[in-house]
């Protein structure tokens, strides 16, 4: 059963891995500008699977910021992954060994979380491992390719590749929305509120990472109250 779920995770993680490879090209270019070597950039992407966190760290590295400042900035920027991990913990069997929880937590990204949380019933960690085994190498190899291709590809092409990230989000959540029509208004509300908070000058004092956290709590909390999921379906 674990082997079947692992292979299924790999198969469903292929689009994520391919999308990560394309998107992380820009990560590699930014790493090169921060004077990181190809090996350093690839290792960084393998151990820190977050575009916002990596972009922020490049600016801090270039400015010679102390380690404590880097640690605090990463904790704030990536705080939303704590919320995702809390949600995934409810999908895991209570008897699951702690080391499995650690490995699953290491692989929590927006896309891996989206695939994992959409699984029916309890989540087999081996499914998430299957997704991770394709997605994380795609992110690291894309970063490496971006470092090595600095100055070769035109900027317009690199800008166009960033659209792949939004395509991955659509590919992950729309199948679930087709299956459960109650998710459509939640997705629509999330998109509308995200656009409003992003464009309205009133919210400029809030960092982008904190905006995501506040919206996640507000929208998911409202959905849980208005459209609760029966416990047997969790």
Protein backbone atom coordinates (compact mmCIF):
# COMPACT_ATOMS: atom_id res chain seq x y z
CA UNK A 1 0.00 0.00 0.00
CA UNK A 2 2.83 2.41 0.86
CA UNK A 3 4.56 1.60 -2.44
CA UNK A 4 1.35 2.24 -4.38
CA UNK A 5 0.84 5.61 -2.67
CA UNK A 6 4.48 6.56 -3.20
CA UNK A 7 4.26 5.87 -6.94
CA UNK A 8 0.94 7.71 -7.14
CA UNK A 9 2.55 10.67 -5.37
CA UNK A 10 5.44 10.65 -7.84
CA UNK A 11 3.05 10.56 -10.78
CA UNK A 12 0.93 13.42 -9.49
CA UNK A 13 4.04 15.36 -8.48
CA UNK A 14 5.50 15.40 -12.00
CA UNK A 15 3.64 18.61 -13.04
CA UNK A 16 4.84 20.26 -9.82
CA UNK A 17 8.42 19.18 -10.44
CA UNK A 18 8.35 20.47 -14.01
CA UNK A 19 6.79 23.74 -12.88
CA UNK A 20 9.35 24.10 -10.12
CA UNK A 21 12.17 23.56 -12.59
CA UNK A 22 10.92 26.43 -14.74
CA UNK A 23 10.05 28.82 -11.89
CA UNK A 24 13.30 28.29 -9.99
CA UNK A 25 15.30 29.52 -12.99
CA UNK A 26 14.81 33.04 -11.62
CA UNK A 27 15.96 31.84 -8.20
CA UNK A 28 19.22 30.73 -9.75
CA UNK A 29 19.71 34.06 -11.50
CA UNK A 30 19.11 35.95 -8.24
CA UNK A 31 21.53 33.61 -6.47
CA UNK A 32 24.18 34.38 -9.05
CA UNK A 33 23.70 38.10 -8.50
CA UNK A 34 24.27 37.49 -4.77
CA UNK A 35 27.61 35.83 -5.67
CA UNK A 36 26.55 32.31 -4.71
CA UNK A 37 28.25 29.45 -6.53
CA UNK A 38 26.13 26.94 -8.46
CA UNK A 39 26.62 24.32 -5.73
CA UNK A 40 25.68 26.76 -2.97
CA UNK A 41 22.54 27.84 -4.82
CA UNK A 42 21.47 24.25 -5.50
CA UNK A 43 22.00 23.17 -1.88
CA UNK A 44 20.12 26.23 -0.68
CA UNK A 45 17.13 25.37 -2.88
CA UNK A 46 17.21 21.74 -1.72
CA UNK A 47 17.07 22.73 1.96
CA UNK A 48 14.88 25.87 1.70
CA UNK A 49 11.99 25.23 -0.66
CA UNK A 50 10.50 28.71 -0.73
CA UNK A 51 10.90 31.36 -3.38
CA UNK A 52 10.01 34.30 -1.10
CA UNK A 53 12.42 33.11 1.58
CA UNK A 54 15.24 32.58 -0.87
CA UNK A 55 14.80 35.95 -2.57
CA UNK A 56 14.85 37.64 0.83
CA UNK A 57 17.93 35.72 1.89
CA UNK A 58 19.82 36.79 -1.25
CA UNK A 59 19.31 40.44 -0.36
CA UNK A 60 20.48 39.78 3.20
CA UNK A 61 23.51 37.81 2.03
CA UNK A 62 24.47 40.57 -0.38
CA UNK A 63 24.20 43.16 2.41
CA UNK A 64 26.28 41.09 4.84
CA UNK A 65 23.45 40.72 7.36
CA UNK A 66 24.12 38.66 10.52
CA UNK A 67 22.83 35.10 10.89
CA UNK A 68 20.27 36.12 13.52
CA UNK A 69 18.65 38.59 11.13
CA UNK A 70 18.51 35.93 8.43
CA UNK A 71 16.90 33.44 10.82
CA UNK A 72 14.25 35.91 11.99
CA UNK A 73 13.39 37.01 8.45
CA UNK A 74 13.00 33.40 7.30
CA UNK A 75 10.78 32.59 10.28
CA UNK A 76 8.46 35.52 9.52
CA UNK A 77 8.34 35.05 5.74
CA UNK A 78 7.68 31.31 5.99
CA UNK A 79 5.26 31.43 8.92
CA UNK A 80 2.40 30.36 6.67
CA UNK A 81 3.95 26.89 6.43
CA UNK A 82 3.23 26.45 10.13
CA UNK A 83 -0.46 26.83 9.32
CA UNK A 84 -0.17 24.27 6.52
CA UNK A 85 1.68 21.85 8.80
CA UNK A 86 -1.07 22.18 11.42
CA UNK A 87 -3.66 21.34 8.78
CA UNK A 88 -1.68 18.35 7.53
CA UNK A 89 -1.20 17.06 11.07
CA UNK A 90 -4.96 16.52 11.22
CA UNK A 91 -4.72 14.31 8.13
CA UNK A 92 -2.04 12.04 9.61
CA UNK A 93 -2.74 8.98 11.71
CA UNK A 94 -2.32 9.66 15.43
CA UNK A 95 -0.11 6.58 15.74
CA UNK A 96 2.29 7.76 13.03
CA UNK A 97 5.91 7.88 14.30
CA UNK A 98 7.33 11.33 14.94
CA UNK A 99 10.08 11.03 12.32
CA UNK A 100 7.44 10.71 9.60
CA UNK A 101 5.93 13.99 10.75
CA UNK A 102 9.35 15.64 10.55
CA UNK A 103 9.95 14.40 7.00
CA UNK A 104 6.48 15.49 5.86
CA UNK A 105 6.99 18.91 7.48
CA UNK A 106 10.29 19.36 5.62
CA UNK A 107 8.48 19.01 2.30
CA UNK A 108 5.61 21.41 3.01
CA UNK A 109 5.35 23.89 0.16
CA UNK A 110 2.21 25.50 -1.27
CA UNK A 111 1.92 22.93 -4.06
CA UNK A 112 2.92 19.83 -2.08
CA UNK A 113 0.53 20.89 0.66
CA UNK A 114 -2.24 21.35 -1.90
CA UNK A 115 -1.82 17.84 -3.26
CA UNK A 116 -1.44 16.26 0.19
CA UNK A 117 -4.40 17.98 1.86
CA UNK A 118 -6.69 17.07 -1.05
CA UNK A 119 -6.26 13.34 -0.44
CA UNK A 120 -9.37 11.63 0.86
CA UNK A 121 -9.26 10.15 4.33
CA UNK A 122 -6.04 9.89 6.30
CA UNK A 123 -2.84 10.91 4.53
CA UNK A 124 -0.23 8.23 3.94
CA UNK A 125 3.12 10.03 4.36
CA UNK A 126 4.53 7.92 1.56
CA UNK A 127 2.23 9.73 -0.87
CA UNK A 128 3.78 13.05 0.19
CA UNK A 129 7.26 11.50 -0.07
CA UNK A 130 6.45 10.56 -3.65
CA UNK A 131 5.48 14.13 -4.49
CA UNK A 132 8.57 15.46 -2.69
CA UNK A 133 10.91 13.08 -4.54
CA UNK A 134 9.93 14.71 -7.84
CA UNK A 135 9.16 18.29 -6.78
CA UNK A 136 12.20 19.10 -4.62
CA UNK A 137 14.82 17.89 -7.15
CA UNK A 138 12.96 19.91 -9.80
CA UNK A 139 13.32 23.04 -7.67
CA UNK A 140 17.01 22.42 -6.97
CA UNK A 141 17.93 21.51 -10.55
CA UNK A 142 16.04 24.52 -11.88
CA UNK A 143 18.01 26.77 -9.55
CA UNK A 144 21.25 25.18 -10.70
CA UNK A 145 20.27 25.66 -14.34
CA UNK A 146 19.37 29.29 -13.64
CA UNK A 147 22.78 29.97 -12.13
CA UNK A 148 24.56 28.36 -15.06
CA UNK A 149 22.43 30.14 -17.66
CA UNK A 150 22.94 33.65 -16.27
CA UNK A 151 23.45 36.04 -19.17
CA UNK A 152 22.38 33.48 -21.78
CA UNK A 153 18.55 33.65 -21.75
CA UNK A 154 16.70 36.93 -22.51
CA UNK A 155 14.92 38.63 -19.61
CA UNK A 156 11.55 38.53 -21.39
CA UNK A 157 11.77 34.74 -21.52
CA UNK A 158 12.62 34.54 -17.81
CA UNK A 159 9.70 36.80 -16.93
CA UNK A 160 7.34 34.60 -18.92
CA UNK A 161 8.49 31.49 -17.05
CA UNK A 162 7.23 32.99 -13.78
CA UNK A 163 3.67 32.40 -15.03
CA UNK A 164 4.25 28.66 -14.56
CA UNK A 165 3.79 29.12 -10.82
CA UNK A 166 0.19 30.28 -11.27
CA UNK A 167 -0.45 27.40 -13.65
CA UNK A 168 0.62 24.96 -10.94
CA UNK A 169 -1.83 26.46 -8.46
CA UNK A 170 -4.67 26.11 -10.95
CA UNK A 171 -3.70 22.52 -11.79
CA UNK A 172 -3.71 21.59 -8.10
CA UNK A 173 -6.92 23.17 -6.85
CA UNK A 174 -9.31 23.12 -9.80
CA UNK A 175 -9.72 19.29 -9.90
CA UNK A 176 -10.71 19.37 -6.23
CA UNK A 177 -13.10 22.24 -6.95
CA UNK A 178 -14.76 20.26 -9.75
CA UNK A 179 -15.32 17.36 -7.37
CA UNK A 180 -16.62 19.49 -4.48
CA UNK A 181 -18.60 22.51 -5.68
CA UNK A 182 -18.48 24.07 -2.20
CA UNK A 183 -14.83 24.91 -2.82
CA UNK A 184 -15.60 27.22 -5.76
CA UNK A 185 -16.87 30.18 -3.70
CA UNK A 186 -13.97 29.74 -1.26
CA UNK A 187 -11.42 29.85 -4.09
CA UNK A 188 -13.18 32.83 -5.69
CA UNK A 189 -13.26 34.70 -2.37
CA UNK A 190 -9.58 33.94 -1.76
CA UNK A 191 -8.62 35.26 -5.19
CA UNK A 192 -10.72 38.42 -4.84
CA UNK A 193 -9.53 39.23 -1.32
CA UNK A 194 -5.90 38.52 -2.22
CA UNK A 195 -6.11 40.91 -5.17
CA UNK A 196 -7.79 43.56 -3.01
CA UNK A 197 -5.21 43.33 -0.22
CA UNK A 198 -2.36 43.35 -2.74
CA UNK A 199 -3.56 46.42 -4.68
CA UNK A 200 -5.16 48.55 -1.97
CA UNK A 201 -2.69 51.12 -0.53
CA UNK A 202 -4.44 50.72 2.83
CA UNK A 203 -2.61 47.41 3.39
CA UNK A 204 0.86 48.50 2.27
CA UNK A 205 2.11 48.53 5.85
CA UNK A 206 1.65 44.72 6.04
CA UNK A 207 4.39 42.49 4.61
CA UNK A 208 3.49 40.07 1.83
CA UNK A 209 4.11 37.06 4.07
CA UNK A 210 1.87 38.44 6.82
CA UNK A 211 -0.87 39.20 4.27
CA UNK A 212 -0.91 35.54 3.29
CA UNK A 213 -1.13 34.45 6.93
CA UNK A 214 -4.00 36.84 7.76
CA UNK A 215 -5.95 35.90 4.63
CA UNK A 216 -5.41 32.19 5.24
CA UNK A 217 -6.70 32.42 8.80
CA UNK A 218 -9.66 34.62 7.87
CA UNK A 219 -10.83 32.67 4.81
CA UNK A 220 -10.25 29.18 6.22
CA UNK A 221 -11.88 30.18 9.52
CA UNK A 222 -14.95 31.56 7.75
CA UNK A 223 -15.18 28.45 5.55
CA UNK A 224 -14.90 26.16 8.59
CA UNK A 225 -17.79 27.98 10.30
CA UNK A 226 -20.04 28.36 7.26
CA UNK A 227 -19.28 25.05 5.50
CA UNK A 228 -17.84 22.59 8.04
CA UNK A 229 -16.52 19.24 6.81
CA UNK A 230 -17.98 16.20 8.60
CA UNK A 231 -15.39 14.52 10.81
CA UNK A 232 -15.68 11.21 8.97
CA UNK A 233 -14.53 12.93 5.74
CA UNK A 234 -11.37 14.40 7.25
